[in-house]
Each structure stands twice: as C-alpha cells, then as structure tokens.
C-alpha cells in the first residue's frame, strides 16, 4: 500500500513518509538483532527521498533553500569589525579585519584591539 502511494505522483510525498516509517522499523529490528546490514534500509530510504526530490518540484522546493533566503541570512548575520594597532618604538602599523567572533584583548602590551564602526 505504501509503495502504491509512492508510485502515484499525486500521493508520492505521503507514500514516501509511510515508507520511511516502514524502513525505520526495519532498521530498528536489524539493530536490535545486531545484523550488520542495518544500513541497507537507511540507504534505501535516503535514495527514495533523493528520487522524490528529483521528480517532484514540491519536495525540491521544500528541501532546497531559496537563493533569496540564503542572501537574507548572510546579510542579517552580524559580523564584528576590529582595528588592530601595533605600536613599536620606530613605526606604527594599522590593520583592519572582520571576524564573526568576539576577540579578547591581547595579552601583549604593544597590540591594541578595538571595535571599529560598521562599514555601510
């Protein structure tokens, strides 16, 4: 019955969900009896969902992130900017870099890390 629902294009997502439950039970049974072939039902389930992803645009839209969503996530993620000033008796060098993590103050006396204003 599950396979019939999977083969019919209109009910394929429901059939894949039911077959996933069936294969999950098969995996649990094989793990319980310590059968070394317990990965076989997992491989069948992954290939089943992969085939459904390739043939059904509804599943492809569900599991494939949209480009606009990825762009919005990248733009909204805050990135800290720091300015590093290295002082020596003879020269003074400035370097700027961006980092996604907060930097701790340097233990060295000649290095100073400070937060830079965000670049627009």
N, C-alpha and C. Protein backbone atom coordinates (compact mmCIF):
# COMPACT_ATOMS: atom_id res chain seq x y z
N UNK A 1 0.82 -1.19 0.00
CA UNK A 1 0.00 0.00 0.00
C UNK A 1 0.86 1.26 0.00
N UNK A 2 1.93 1.25 0.83
CA UNK A 2 2.83 2.41 0.89
C UNK A 2 3.53 2.61 -0.45
N UNK A 3 3.97 1.51 -1.06
CA UNK A 3 4.67 1.60 -2.33
C UNK A 3 3.73 2.11 -3.42
N UNK A 4 2.47 1.69 -3.39
CA UNK A 4 1.49 2.17 -4.36
C UNK A 4 1.27 3.67 -4.20
N UNK A 5 1.20 4.16 -2.99
CA UNK A 5 1.06 5.60 -2.76
C UNK A 5 2.31 6.35 -3.22
N UNK A 6 3.50 5.73 -3.09
CA UNK A 6 4.73 6.37 -3.52
C UNK A 6 4.84 6.44 -5.04
N UNK A 7 4.31 5.42 -5.74
CA UNK A 7 4.42 5.37 -7.20
C UNK A 7 3.49 6.37 -7.86
N UNK A 8 2.34 6.64 -7.28
CA UNK A 8 1.39 7.59 -7.85
C UNK A 8 1.91 9.00 -7.56
N UNK A 9 2.15 9.83 -8.59
CA UNK A 9 2.79 11.14 -8.38
C UNK A 9 2.05 12.06 -7.42
N UNK A 10 0.74 12.04 -7.43
CA UNK A 10 -0.02 12.96 -6.57
C UNK A 10 0.14 12.63 -5.09
N UNK A 11 0.26 11.35 -4.75
CA UNK A 11 0.37 10.93 -3.35
C UNK A 11 1.78 10.48 -2.98
N UNK A 12 2.77 10.80 -3.81
CA UNK A 12 4.14 10.34 -3.57
C UNK A 12 4.73 10.83 -2.25
N UNK A 13 4.52 12.10 -1.84
CA UNK A 13 5.08 12.50 -0.54
C UNK A 13 4.51 11.71 0.64
N UNK A 14 3.23 11.41 0.61
CA UNK A 14 2.61 10.62 1.68
C UNK A 14 3.15 9.19 1.65
N UNK A 15 3.29 8.63 0.44
CA UNK A 15 3.86 7.30 0.32
C UNK A 15 5.30 7.24 0.81
N UNK A 16 6.08 8.29 0.52
CA UNK A 16 7.47 8.34 0.99
C UNK A 16 7.52 8.42 2.51
N UNK A 17 6.61 9.17 3.09
CA UNK A 17 6.56 9.28 4.55
C UNK A 17 6.20 7.93 5.18
N UNK A 18 5.22 7.25 4.60
CA UNK A 18 4.84 5.93 5.13
C UNK A 18 5.96 4.90 4.94
N UNK A 19 6.63 4.93 3.78
CA UNK A 19 7.74 4.02 3.56
C UNK A 19 8.91 4.33 4.49
N UNK A 20 9.10 5.59 4.84
CA UNK A 20 10.15 5.95 5.79
C UNK A 20 9.88 5.34 7.15
N UNK A 21 8.63 5.35 7.58
CA UNK A 21 8.26 4.70 8.84
C UNK A 21 8.49 3.20 8.78
N UNK A 22 8.14 2.59 7.66
CA UNK A 22 8.35 1.16 7.50
C UNK A 22 9.84 0.82 7.54
N UNK A 23 10.65 1.61 6.82
CA UNK A 23 12.09 1.36 6.80
C UNK A 23 12.74 1.66 8.15
N UNK A 24 12.17 2.61 8.88
CA UNK A 24 12.66 2.88 10.24
C UNK A 24 12.44 1.69 11.15
N UNK A 25 11.30 1.04 11.02
CA UNK A 25 11.04 -0.18 11.79
C UNK A 25 11.97 -1.30 11.40
N UNK A 26 12.26 -1.42 10.10
CA UNK A 26 13.19 -2.45 9.65
C UNK A 26 14.60 -2.19 10.19
N UNK A 27 14.99 -0.92 10.20
CA UNK A 27 16.30 -0.56 10.75
C UNK A 27 16.37 -0.87 12.24
N UNK A 28 15.33 -0.50 12.97
CA UNK A 28 15.32 -0.76 14.42
C UNK A 28 15.39 -2.26 14.71
N UNK A 29 14.70 -3.05 13.92
CA UNK A 29 14.72 -4.50 14.12
C UNK A 29 16.11 -5.06 13.84
N UNK A 30 16.74 -4.59 12.78
CA UNK A 30 18.07 -5.10 12.44
C UNK A 30 19.12 -4.65 13.45
N UNK A 31 18.97 -3.46 13.98
CA UNK A 31 19.90 -3.00 15.02
C UNK A 31 19.71 -3.84 16.29
N UNK A 32 18.46 -4.17 16.60
CA UNK A 32 18.15 -4.93 17.81
C UNK A 32 18.78 -6.32 17.77
N UNK A 33 18.76 -6.96 16.59
CA UNK A 33 19.33 -8.31 16.47
C UNK A 33 20.80 -8.26 16.06
N UNK A 34 21.38 -7.08 16.04
CA UNK A 34 22.80 -6.86 15.72
C UNK A 34 23.18 -7.39 14.34
N UNK A 35 22.31 -7.15 13.38
CA UNK A 35 22.57 -7.52 12.00
C UNK A 35 23.48 -6.46 11.36
N UNK A 36 24.57 -6.87 10.71
CA UNK A 36 25.47 -5.87 10.13
C UNK A 36 24.88 -5.14 8.92
N UNK A 37 23.78 -5.59 8.39
CA UNK A 37 23.15 -4.95 7.24
C UNK A 37 22.12 -3.90 7.63
N UNK A 38 22.22 -3.35 8.84
CA UNK A 38 21.21 -2.38 9.28
C UNK A 38 21.27 -1.08 8.48
N UNK A 39 22.36 -0.82 7.78
CA UNK A 39 22.46 0.41 6.97
C UNK A 39 21.70 0.29 5.66
N UNK A 40 21.33 -0.90 5.24
CA UNK A 40 20.63 -1.08 3.97
C UNK A 40 19.28 -0.37 3.94
N UNK A 41 18.40 -0.51 4.95
CA UNK A 41 17.14 0.23 4.90
C UNK A 41 17.35 1.75 4.94
N UNK A 42 18.41 2.19 5.61
CA UNK A 42 18.69 3.63 5.65
C UNK A 42 19.08 4.12 4.25
N UNK A 43 19.92 3.34 3.55
CA UNK A 43 20.31 3.70 2.19
C UNK A 43 19.11 3.70 1.24
N UNK A 44 18.21 2.75 1.41
CA UNK A 44 17.01 2.70 0.58
C UNK A 44 16.14 3.93 0.85
N UNK A 45 16.00 4.30 2.10
CA UNK A 45 15.20 5.48 2.44
C UNK A 45 15.79 6.77 1.91
N UNK A 46 17.11 6.91 2.02
CA UNK A 46 17.76 8.12 1.51
C UNK A 46 17.64 8.18 -0.01
N UNK A 47 17.84 7.06 -0.68
CA UNK A 47 17.70 7.06 -2.15
C UNK A 47 16.25 7.30 -2.56
N UNK A 48 15.29 6.82 -1.77
CA UNK A 48 13.89 7.06 -2.08
C UNK A 48 13.56 8.54 -1.99
N UNK A 49 14.01 9.22 -0.93
CA UNK A 49 13.77 10.65 -0.79
C UNK A 49 14.55 11.44 -1.85
N UNK A 50 15.75 10.97 -2.20
CA UNK A 50 16.51 11.64 -3.26
C UNK A 50 15.80 11.56 -4.60
N UNK A 51 15.25 10.39 -4.92
CA UNK A 51 14.49 10.24 -6.17
C UNK A 51 13.24 11.11 -6.15
N UNK A 52 12.57 11.18 -5.00
CA UNK A 52 11.39 12.03 -4.90
C UNK A 52 11.77 13.50 -5.03
N UNK A 53 12.92 13.89 -4.49
CA UNK A 53 13.39 15.26 -4.60
C UNK A 53 13.66 15.61 -6.07
N UNK A 54 14.17 14.65 -6.83
CA UNK A 54 14.45 14.91 -8.25
C UNK A 54 13.19 14.96 -9.10
N UNK A 55 12.16 14.19 -8.76
CA UNK A 55 11.00 14.12 -9.64
C UNK A 55 9.82 14.99 -9.22
N UNK A 56 9.80 15.46 -7.99
CA UNK A 56 8.65 16.24 -7.51
C UNK A 56 9.10 17.65 -7.13
N UNK A 57 8.64 18.67 -7.86
CA UNK A 57 9.09 20.03 -7.56
C UNK A 57 8.63 20.53 -6.18
N UNK A 58 7.55 19.96 -5.64
CA UNK A 58 7.11 20.37 -4.29
C UNK A 58 8.12 19.95 -3.23
N UNK A 59 8.67 18.76 -3.37
CA UNK A 59 9.68 18.28 -2.43
C UNK A 59 10.99 19.03 -2.64
N UNK A 60 11.33 19.29 -3.91
CA UNK A 60 12.55 20.05 -4.19
C UNK A 60 12.46 21.45 -3.58
N UNK A 61 11.30 22.07 -3.64
CA UNK A 61 11.13 23.40 -3.04
C UNK A 61 11.17 23.33 -1.53
N UNK A 62 10.74 22.21 -0.97
CA UNK A 62 10.73 22.06 0.47
C UNK A 62 12.14 21.87 1.04
N UNK A 63 12.98 21.09 0.33
CA UNK A 63 14.30 20.74 0.85
C UNK A 63 15.44 21.59 0.29
N UNK A 64 15.20 22.39 -0.74
CA UNK A 64 16.24 23.22 -1.33
C UNK A 64 16.05 24.66 -0.87
N UNK A 65 17.03 25.24 -0.18
CA UNK A 65 16.89 26.63 0.25
C UNK A 65 16.90 27.57 -0.95
N UNK A 66 16.06 28.58 -0.86
CA UNK A 66 15.98 29.56 -1.93
C UNK A 66 17.17 30.50 -1.86
N UNK A 67 17.59 31.04 -3.00
CA UNK A 67 18.73 31.95 -3.05
C UNK A 67 18.44 33.22 -2.25
N UNK A 68 17.20 33.72 -2.30
CA UNK A 68 16.87 34.93 -1.55
C UNK A 68 16.93 34.68 -0.05
N UNK A 69 16.57 33.47 0.40
CA UNK A 69 16.66 33.13 1.82
C UNK A 69 18.11 33.08 2.26
N UNK A 70 18.99 32.50 1.44
CA UNK A 70 20.40 32.45 1.78
C UNK A 70 21.00 33.84 1.82
N UNK A 71 20.61 34.69 0.87
CA UNK A 71 21.14 36.06 0.84
C UNK A 71 20.67 36.84 2.06
N UNK A 72 19.40 36.68 2.44
CA UNK A 72 18.88 37.39 3.62
C UNK A 72 19.58 36.92 4.88
N UNK A 73 19.88 35.64 4.99
CA UNK A 73 20.58 35.14 6.17
C UNK A 73 22.01 35.66 6.22
N UNK A 74 22.65 35.77 5.07
CA UNK A 74 24.02 36.27 5.06
C UNK A 74 24.08 37.75 5.37
N UNK A 75 23.08 38.51 4.92
CA UNK A 75 23.08 39.95 5.16
C UNK A 75 22.72 40.26 6.61
N UNK A 76 21.81 39.48 7.20
CA UNK A 76 21.36 39.77 8.55
C UNK A 76 22.31 39.28 9.63
N UNK A 77 23.28 38.44 9.29
CA UNK A 77 24.21 37.91 10.28
C UNK A 77 25.22 39.00 10.65
N UNK A 78 25.32 39.35 11.92
CA UNK A 78 26.27 40.40 12.30
C UNK A 78 27.70 39.90 12.23
N UNK A 79 28.56 40.75 11.73
CA UNK A 79 29.98 40.45 11.66
C UNK A 79 30.70 41.57 12.39
N UNK A 80 31.54 41.20 13.33
CA UNK A 80 32.26 42.19 14.11
C UNK A 80 33.48 42.66 13.33
N UNK A 81 33.75 43.93 13.39
CA UNK A 81 34.92 44.50 12.75
C UNK A 81 35.87 44.99 13.83
N UNK A 82 37.15 44.79 13.60
CA UNK A 82 38.15 45.19 14.57
C UNK A 82 39.28 45.94 13.86
N UNK A 83 39.89 46.84 14.58
CA UNK A 83 41.09 47.53 14.11
C UNK A 83 42.22 47.12 15.04
N UNK A 84 43.30 46.66 14.46
CA UNK A 84 44.46 46.25 15.24
C UNK A 84 45.55 47.30 15.03
N UNK A 85 46.05 47.84 16.11
CA UNK A 85 47.12 48.82 16.06
C UNK A 85 48.33 48.22 16.76
N UNK A 86 49.41 48.08 16.04
CA UNK A 86 50.64 47.55 16.60
C UNK A 86 51.60 48.72 16.75
N UNK A 87 52.04 48.99 17.97
CA UNK A 87 52.93 50.11 18.24
C UNK A 87 54.33 49.57 18.56
N UNK A 88 55.29 50.15 17.95
CA UNK A 88 56.68 49.85 18.27
C UNK A 88 57.41 51.18 18.42
N UNK A 89 58.60 51.19 18.96
CA UNK A 89 59.31 52.46 19.15
C UNK A 89 59.60 53.19 17.84
N UNK A 90 59.68 52.47 16.72
CA UNK A 90 60.09 53.11 15.47
C UNK A 90 58.95 53.32 14.49
N UNK A 91 57.99 52.40 14.43
CA UNK A 91 56.92 52.51 13.44
C UNK A 91 55.58 52.23 14.11
N UNK A 92 54.54 52.60 13.42
CA UNK A 92 53.18 52.30 13.87
C UNK A 92 52.43 51.75 12.66
N UNK A 93 51.91 50.56 12.79
CA UNK A 93 51.21 49.92 11.68
C UNK A 93 49.75 49.73 12.07
N UNK A 94 48.86 49.90 11.12
CA UNK A 94 47.43 49.71 11.33
C UNK A 94 46.94 48.59 10.42
N UNK A 95 46.08 47.76 10.94
CA UNK A 95 45.48 46.69 10.13
C UNK A 95 44.03 46.55 10.54
N UNK A 96 43.16 46.33 9.57
CA UNK A 96 41.74 46.12 9.83
C UNK A 96 41.37 44.72 9.35
N UNK A 97 40.48 44.09 10.05
CA UNK A 97 39.98 42.80 9.61
C UNK A 97 38.59 42.61 10.18
N UNK A 98 37.84 41.71 9.56
CA UNK A 98 36.49 41.36 10.01
C UNK A 98 36.53 39.96 10.59
N UNK A 99 35.73 39.76 11.62
CA UNK A 99 35.67 38.45 12.25
C UNK A 99 34.25 38.22 12.71
N UNK A 100 33.81 36.95 12.68
CA UNK A 100 32.49 36.60 13.16
C UNK A 100 32.45 36.32 14.65
N UNK A 101 33.58 36.36 15.32
CA UNK A 101 33.64 36.06 16.74
C UNK A 101 34.19 37.27 17.49
N UNK A 102 33.89 37.35 18.75
CA UNK A 102 34.42 38.43 19.57
C UNK A 102 35.86 38.09 19.95
N UNK A 103 36.72 39.08 19.82
CA UNK A 103 38.12 38.87 20.15
C UNK A 103 38.38 39.37 21.56
N UNK A 104 39.18 38.65 22.28
CA UNK A 104 39.58 39.06 23.63
C UNK A 104 40.72 40.07 23.51
N UNK A 105 40.87 40.94 24.49
CA UNK A 105 42.02 41.86 24.46
C UNK A 105 43.32 41.08 24.45
N UNK A 106 44.28 41.59 23.73
CA UNK A 106 45.53 40.89 23.57
C UNK A 106 46.36 40.99 24.85
N UNK A 107 47.06 39.92 25.22
CA UNK A 107 47.91 39.99 26.40
C UNK A 107 49.20 40.76 26.15
N UNK A 108 49.48 41.08 24.89
CA UNK A 108 50.70 41.81 24.57
C UNK A 108 50.46 43.30 24.76
N UNK A 109 51.44 43.98 25.29
CA UNK A 109 51.28 45.40 25.58
C UNK A 109 51.35 46.26 24.34
N UNK A 110 51.95 45.77 23.25
CA UNK A 110 52.08 46.61 22.07
C UNK A 110 50.98 46.38 21.04
N UNK A 111 50.00 45.55 21.36
CA UNK A 111 48.89 45.30 20.45
C UNK A 111 47.60 45.74 21.11
N UNK A 112 46.81 46.52 20.37
CA UNK A 112 45.54 47.01 20.90
C UNK A 112 44.45 46.65 19.90
N UNK A 113 43.39 46.01 20.38
CA UNK A 113 42.26 45.64 19.54
C UNK A 113 41.06 46.43 20.00
N UNK A 114 40.44 47.14 19.07
CA UNK A 114 39.26 47.92 19.42
C UNK A 114 38.20 47.70 18.34
N UNK A 115 36.96 47.88 18.73
CA UNK A 115 35.85 47.71 17.80
C UNK A 115 35.80 48.88 16.84
N UNK A 116 35.63 48.58 15.58
CA UNK A 116 35.53 49.61 14.55
C UNK A 116 34.07 49.87 14.25
N UNK A 117 33.72 51.07 13.80
CA UNK A 117 32.34 51.33 13.44
C UNK A 117 31.97 50.49 12.21
N UNK A 118 30.73 50.05 12.12
CA UNK A 118 30.34 49.22 10.98
C UNK A 118 30.44 50.01 9.69
N UNK A 119 30.90 49.31 8.65
CA UNK A 119 31.05 49.91 7.34
C UNK A 119 29.75 49.74 6.59
N UNK A 120 29.21 50.82 6.04
CA UNK A 120 27.95 50.74 5.31
C UNK A 120 28.17 50.64 3.83
